Amino acid sequence: MTAWQTPPVDLTLPPDAVHVWRAHLEPGQRVVDELAHVLAADEQARAARFYFERDRRRYIVGRGALRTIIGRYLAVPPQSIQFTYTAHGKPELAAAMGFPTFAFNVSHSQTLALFAFSWGRVLGVDIEFARDLQDAKDIARINFSPREFARICQLSPAQQQEAFFNCWTRKEAFIKAIGEGLSYPLHQFDVTFVPGEAAKLVYVAEDAAEAARWRLLALHPHPQYKAALIVRDHAWQLAQFEFQASDRFKLTG
């Protein structure tokens, strides 16, 4: 299991690397205020529209952390970063930024967020708080493939909960990577998910050879969370970092 490390001062993103960052979304007020200053006007407006203060703070920290980390990789002020959005709402760096191969993906759940970064790779990340879900089997019946649902039904009730969130995060990571969101049918591809089983994309209905092109990993951000990372490439090394809003990040550029 790869540890979550403090990032080096001279942070770089090597061409053969995929970096995943973990951020806690409920820091002290000072950090929230500092990160709010790096948001763009449209992000500040969105933050102001949240009904609950808790959700507003989490959004500010998540988006501020994303800008701060990207700013470190690209050596630009975080507030200068420009995003565009796909039809399914996936953020990307604007072409005007001049980094066409810089790839990233974002996921958040409750008090944690994950950010994945690489050069020139299609990648997706997902995190879910593994709450006690009474209707897990019903959700699986509707959304998972017949093979996956049959496999879940063979497990004990305790294993079914863990298996459900393993399956869900791995599927979400894949559809986020391909940029389709939940418009892509979850039952059209299979992943491994039985507790203790290595994560793997097993089958994609549209192309029998597609599954072998992807590398899928289970991540372990916290005992109460399940998470997954998928990359359309096998030749890369994983590094995991802990986001800390300290002077080393030069929050205001």
Protein backbone atom coordinates (compact mmCIF):
# COMPACT_ATOMS: atom_id res chain seq x y z
CA MET A 1 0.00 0.00 0.00
CA THR A 2 1.54 3.33 -1.08
CA ALA A 3 1.78 5.93 1.69
CA TRP A 4 0.45 9.48 1.43
CA GLN A 5 3.59 11.62 1.48
CA THR A 6 4.41 15.24 2.13
CA PRO A 7 5.18 16.70 -1.31
CA PRO A 8 8.75 17.86 -1.98
CA VAL A 9 9.54 21.54 -2.23
CA ASP A 10 10.82 21.07 -5.78
CA LEU A 11 7.67 19.30 -6.95
CA THR A 12 7.67 18.00 -10.53
CA LEU A 13 5.45 15.63 -12.50
CA PRO A 14 7.72 13.21 -14.41
CA PRO A 15 6.48 11.91 -17.78
CA ASP A 16 6.30 8.34 -16.45
CA ALA A 17 4.31 9.26 -13.33
CA VAL A 18 0.74 9.53 -12.12
CA HIS A 19 0.31 11.60 -8.97
CA VAL A 20 -2.72 11.37 -6.69
CA TRP A 21 -3.31 13.95 -3.96
CA ARG A 22 -5.56 13.65 -0.92
CA ALA A 23 -7.11 16.77 0.58
CA HIS A 24 -9.17 17.17 3.74
CA LEU A 25 -12.06 19.51 2.99
CA GLU A 26 -12.70 20.82 6.51
CA PRO A 27 -9.55 22.70 7.58
CA GLY A 28 -9.49 25.78 9.80
CA GLN A 29 -11.03 29.09 8.77
CA ARG A 30 -7.66 30.62 7.89
CA VAL A 31 -7.07 27.99 5.23
CA VAL A 32 -10.59 28.42 3.84
CA ASP A 33 -10.07 32.18 3.57
CA GLU A 34 -6.68 31.78 1.87
CA LEU A 35 -8.00 29.29 -0.66
CA ALA A 36 -11.05 31.45 -1.40
CA HIS A 37 -8.71 34.15 -2.71
CA VAL A 38 -7.40 31.94 -5.52
CA LEU A 39 -10.85 31.14 -6.95
CA ALA A 40 -12.07 32.69 -10.18
CA ALA A 41 -15.12 34.94 -10.17
CA ASP A 42 -17.45 32.20 -11.42
CA GLU A 43 -16.18 29.83 -8.72
CA GLN A 44 -16.70 32.44 -6.02
CA ALA A 45 -20.23 33.00 -7.30
CA ARG A 46 -20.92 29.27 -7.22
CA ALA A 47 -19.57 29.04 -3.67
CA ALA A 48 -21.93 31.81 -2.60
CA ARG A 49 -24.94 29.88 -3.92
CA PHE A 50 -24.49 26.91 -1.59
CA TYR A 51 -27.29 26.79 0.97
CA PHE A 52 -25.27 25.10 3.69
CA GLU A 53 -22.08 26.71 4.99
CA ARG A 54 -20.48 23.27 5.26
CA ASP A 55 -20.94 22.68 1.52
CA ARG A 56 -19.68 26.15 0.66
CA ARG A 57 -16.47 25.62 2.65
CA ARG A 58 -15.85 22.18 1.16
CA TYR A 59 -16.27 23.54 -2.36
CA ILE A 60 -13.85 26.40 -1.69
CA VAL A 61 -11.22 24.09 -0.24
CA GLY A 62 -11.60 21.52 -3.02
CA ARG A 63 -11.39 24.01 -5.86
CA GLY A 64 -8.71 26.06 -4.14
CA ALA A 65 -6.60 22.96 -3.55
CA LEU A 66 -6.95 21.94 -7.20
CA ARG A 67 -5.79 25.37 -8.37
CA THR A 68 -2.92 25.40 -5.89
CA ILE A 69 -1.60 21.98 -6.91
CA ILE A 70 -1.89 22.70 -10.64
CA GLY A 71 -0.15 26.01 -10.05
CA ARG A 72 2.79 24.21 -8.50
CA TYR A 73 3.11 21.75 -11.37
CA LEU A 74 2.88 24.40 -14.07
CA ALA A 75 4.71 27.17 -12.16
CA VAL A 76 1.85 29.64 -12.57
CA PRO A 77 -0.18 31.59 -10.00
CA PRO A 78 -3.18 29.46 -8.97
CA GLN A 79 -5.63 32.30 -9.55
CA SER A 80 -4.45 32.61 -13.18
CA ILE A 81 -5.49 29.06 -14.11
CA GLN A 82 -8.33 28.87 -16.65
CA PHE A 83 -10.70 25.93 -16.94
CA THR A 84 -13.11 24.81 -19.62
CA TYR A 85 -15.78 22.16 -19.16
CA THR A 86 -16.93 19.28 -21.32
CA ALA A 87 -20.59 18.62 -22.10
CA HIS A 88 -20.67 16.33 -19.06
CA GLY A 89 -19.12 18.93 -16.75
CA LYS A 90 -15.59 17.51 -16.65
CA PRO A 91 -13.07 20.33 -16.03
CA GLU A 92 -10.03 20.66 -18.28
CA LEU A 93 -7.29 23.23 -18.65
CA ALA A 94 -8.23 25.89 -21.17
CA ALA A 95 -6.27 25.75 -24.43
CA ALA A 96 -5.03 29.27 -23.73
CA MET A 97 -3.01 27.92 -20.79
CA GLY A 98 -0.62 26.25 -23.26
CA PHE A 99 -0.39 22.81 -21.64
CA PRO A 100 -2.44 20.59 -23.98
CA THR A 101 -1.18 17.26 -22.57
CA PHE A 102 -1.64 18.06 -18.88
CA ALA A 103 -4.36 15.73 -17.61
CA PHE A 104 -6.19 15.71 -14.29
CA ASN A 105 -9.29 14.30 -12.66
CA VAL A 106 -11.09 15.15 -9.44
CA SER A 107 -13.41 13.40 -7.00
CA HIS A 108 -14.77 14.29 -3.58
CA SER A 109 -17.02 12.71 -0.97
CA GLN A 110 -17.94 14.06 2.45
CA THR A 111 -14.73 15.47 3.96
CA LEU A 112 -12.14 14.11 1.51
CA ALA A 113 -11.12 14.89 -2.07
CA LEU A 114 -8.74 13.16 -4.47
CA PHE A 115 -6.93 14.79 -7.40
CA ALA A 116 -5.09 12.75 -10.06
CA PHE A 117 -2.51 14.25 -12.45
CA SER A 118 -0.38 13.06 -15.37
CA TRP A 119 1.00 14.10 -18.73
CA GLY A 120 -0.68 12.76 -21.85
CA ARG A 121 -2.74 10.02 -20.20
CA VAL A 122 -6.47 9.44 -19.95
CA LEU A 123 -7.22 8.93 -16.28
CA GLY A 124 -10.07 8.92 -13.77
CA VAL A 125 -10.34 8.86 -10.00
CA ASP A 126 -13.28 8.30 -7.66
CA ILE A 127 -13.78 8.34 -3.89
CA GLU A 128 -16.88 7.44 -1.88
CA PHE A 129 -17.64 7.49 1.83
CA ALA A 130 -18.49 3.86 2.55
CA ARG A 131 -21.65 4.43 4.57
CA ASP A 132 -24.02 1.65 5.57
CA LEU A 133 -26.18 1.33 2.45
CA GLN A 134 -29.33 -0.68 3.07
CA ASP A 135 -30.35 -0.77 -0.60
CA ALA A 136 -26.91 -1.65 -2.00
CA LYS A 137 -28.20 -4.80 -3.69
CA ASP A 138 -31.08 -2.92 -5.31
CA ILE A 139 -28.70 -0.29 -6.67
CA ALA A 140 -26.38 -3.03 -7.90
CA ARG A 141 -29.25 -4.85 -9.62
CA ILE A 142 -30.13 -1.72 -11.59
CA ASN A 143 -26.65 -0.42 -12.38
CA PHE A 144 -24.16 -3.28 -12.42
CA SER A 145 -23.78 -5.92 -15.11
CA PRO A 146 -25.64 -9.23 -14.65
CA ARG A 147 -22.32 -10.95 -13.94
CA GLU A 148 -21.37 -8.42 -11.30
CA PHE A 149 -24.76 -8.55 -9.62
CA ALA A 150 -24.69 -12.35 -9.52
CA ARG A 151 -21.24 -12.24 -7.93
CA ILE A 152 -22.35 -9.76 -5.26
CA CYS A 153 -25.29 -11.99 -4.37
CA GLN A 154 -22.86 -14.83 -3.65
CA LEU A 155 -21.11 -12.83 -0.92
CA SER A 156 -21.98 -12.52 2.75
CA PRO A 157 -23.93 -9.40 3.83
CA ALA A 158 -20.77 -7.91 5.36
CA GLN A 159 -18.78 -8.51 2.18
CA GLN A 160 -21.58 -7.13 0.01
CA GLN A 161 -21.21 -3.65 1.48
CA GLU A 162 -17.47 -3.51 0.82
CA ALA A 163 -17.87 -5.14 -2.59
CA PHE A 164 -20.54 -2.62 -3.59
CA PHE A 165 -18.32 0.39 -2.90
CA ASN A 166 -15.33 -1.31 -4.52
CA CYS A 167 -17.40 -1.87 -7.65
CA TRP A 168 -19.00 1.57 -7.63
CA THR A 169 -15.76 3.55 -7.27
CA ARG A 170 -14.00 1.49 -9.93
CA LYS A 171 -16.86 1.97 -12.37
CA GLU A 172 -17.12 5.67 -11.60
CA ALA A 173 -13.38 6.13 -12.14
CA PHE A 174 -13.69 4.53 -15.59
CA ILE A 175 -16.62 6.60 -16.80
CA LYS A 176 -14.97 9.75 -15.46
CA ALA A 177 -11.80 8.87 -17.35
CA ILE A 178 -13.63 8.52 -20.65
CA GLY A 179 -15.52 11.74 -19.92
CA GLU A 180 -19.02 10.34 -20.22
CA GLY A 181 -20.23 10.64 -16.63
CA LEU A 182 -23.30 8.63 -15.69
CA SER A 183 -24.57 8.87 -19.28
CA TYR A 184 -22.37 5.83 -19.99
CA PRO A 185 -24.21 2.64 -18.94
CA LEU A 186 -22.52 1.09 -15.92
CA HIS A 187 -23.70 -2.37 -16.94
CA GLN A 188 -21.72 -2.19 -20.22
CA PHE A 189 -18.40 -3.02 -18.57
CA ASP A 190 -17.15 -5.24 -15.73
CA VAL A 191 -14.61 -4.68 -12.97
CA THR A 192 -13.31 -6.87 -10.17
CA PHE A 193 -14.58 -5.94 -6.73
CA VAL A 194 -14.59 -8.91 -4.32
CA PRO A 195 -12.77 -7.92 -1.10
CA GLY A 196 -9.12 -8.96 -1.33
CA GLU A 197 -9.22 -9.28 -5.12
CA ALA A 198 -6.86 -7.11 -7.19
CA ALA A 199 -8.59 -4.24 -8.98
CA LYS A 200 -8.94 -4.80 -12.73
CA LEU A 201 -11.07 -3.69 -15.66
CA VAL A 202 -12.27 -7.04 -16.97
CA TYR A 203 -14.58 -6.36 -19.91
CA VAL A 204 -15.89 -3.50 -22.05
CA ALA A 205 -18.86 -4.34 -24.24
CA GLU A 206 -18.01 -1.98 -27.11
CA ASP A 207 -14.49 -3.38 -27.66
CA ALA A 208 -13.22 -6.75 -26.47
CA ALA A 209 -9.63 -5.49 -26.49
CA GLU A 210 -10.29 -2.26 -24.60
CA ALA A 211 -10.12 -3.59 -21.03
CA ALA A 212 -6.51 -4.72 -21.43
CA ARG A 213 -5.43 -1.15 -22.26
CA TRP A 214 -6.30 0.13 -18.78
CA ARG A 215 -4.62 -0.20 -15.40
CA LEU A 216 -7.00 -0.03 -12.44
CA LEU A 217 -5.88 0.43 -8.83
CA ALA A 218 -7.67 0.53 -5.49
CA LEU A 219 -6.65 3.55 -3.41
CA HIS A 220 -6.78 3.75 0.38
CA PRO A 221 -7.33 7.36 1.45
CA HIS A 222 -9.04 6.53 4.78
CA PRO A 223 -10.50 3.44 6.49
CA GLN A 224 -14.05 4.77 6.03
CA TYR A 225 -13.65 5.51 2.32
CA LYS A 226 -13.26 3.49 -0.87
CA ALA A 227 -11.44 4.91 -3.87
CA ALA A 228 -10.09 3.90 -7.26
CA LEU A 229 -7.74 5.20 -9.94
CA ILE A 230 -7.78 4.08 -13.57
CA VAL A 231 -5.34 5.04 -16.34
CA ARG A 232 -5.39 4.11 -20.03
CA ASP A 233 -1.76 3.01 -19.96
CA HIS A 234 0.32 0.54 -17.96
CA ALA A 235 3.75 2.19 -18.07
CA TRP A 236 3.61 4.60 -15.15
CA GLN A 237 4.59 4.92 -11.50
CA LEU A 238 2.21 6.05 -8.76
CA ALA A 239 3.03 8.67 -6.13
CA GLN A 240 0.54 9.80 -3.49
CA PHE A 241 0.71 13.18 -1.74
CA GLU A 242 -1.09 14.89 1.11
CA PHE A 243 -2.31 18.42 0.39
CA GLN A 244 -1.34 20.78 3.18
CA ALA A 245 -2.24 24.44 2.91
CA SER A 246 1.07 25.75 4.21
CA ASP A 247 3.53 28.43 3.18
CA ARG A 248 5.20 25.89 0.88
CA PHE A 249 2.23 26.14 -1.45
CA LYS A 250 2.42 29.93 -1.87
CA LEU A 251 -1.35 30.07 -1.95
CA THR A 252 -1.69 33.51 -3.46
CA GLY A 253 0.98 32.97 -6.11
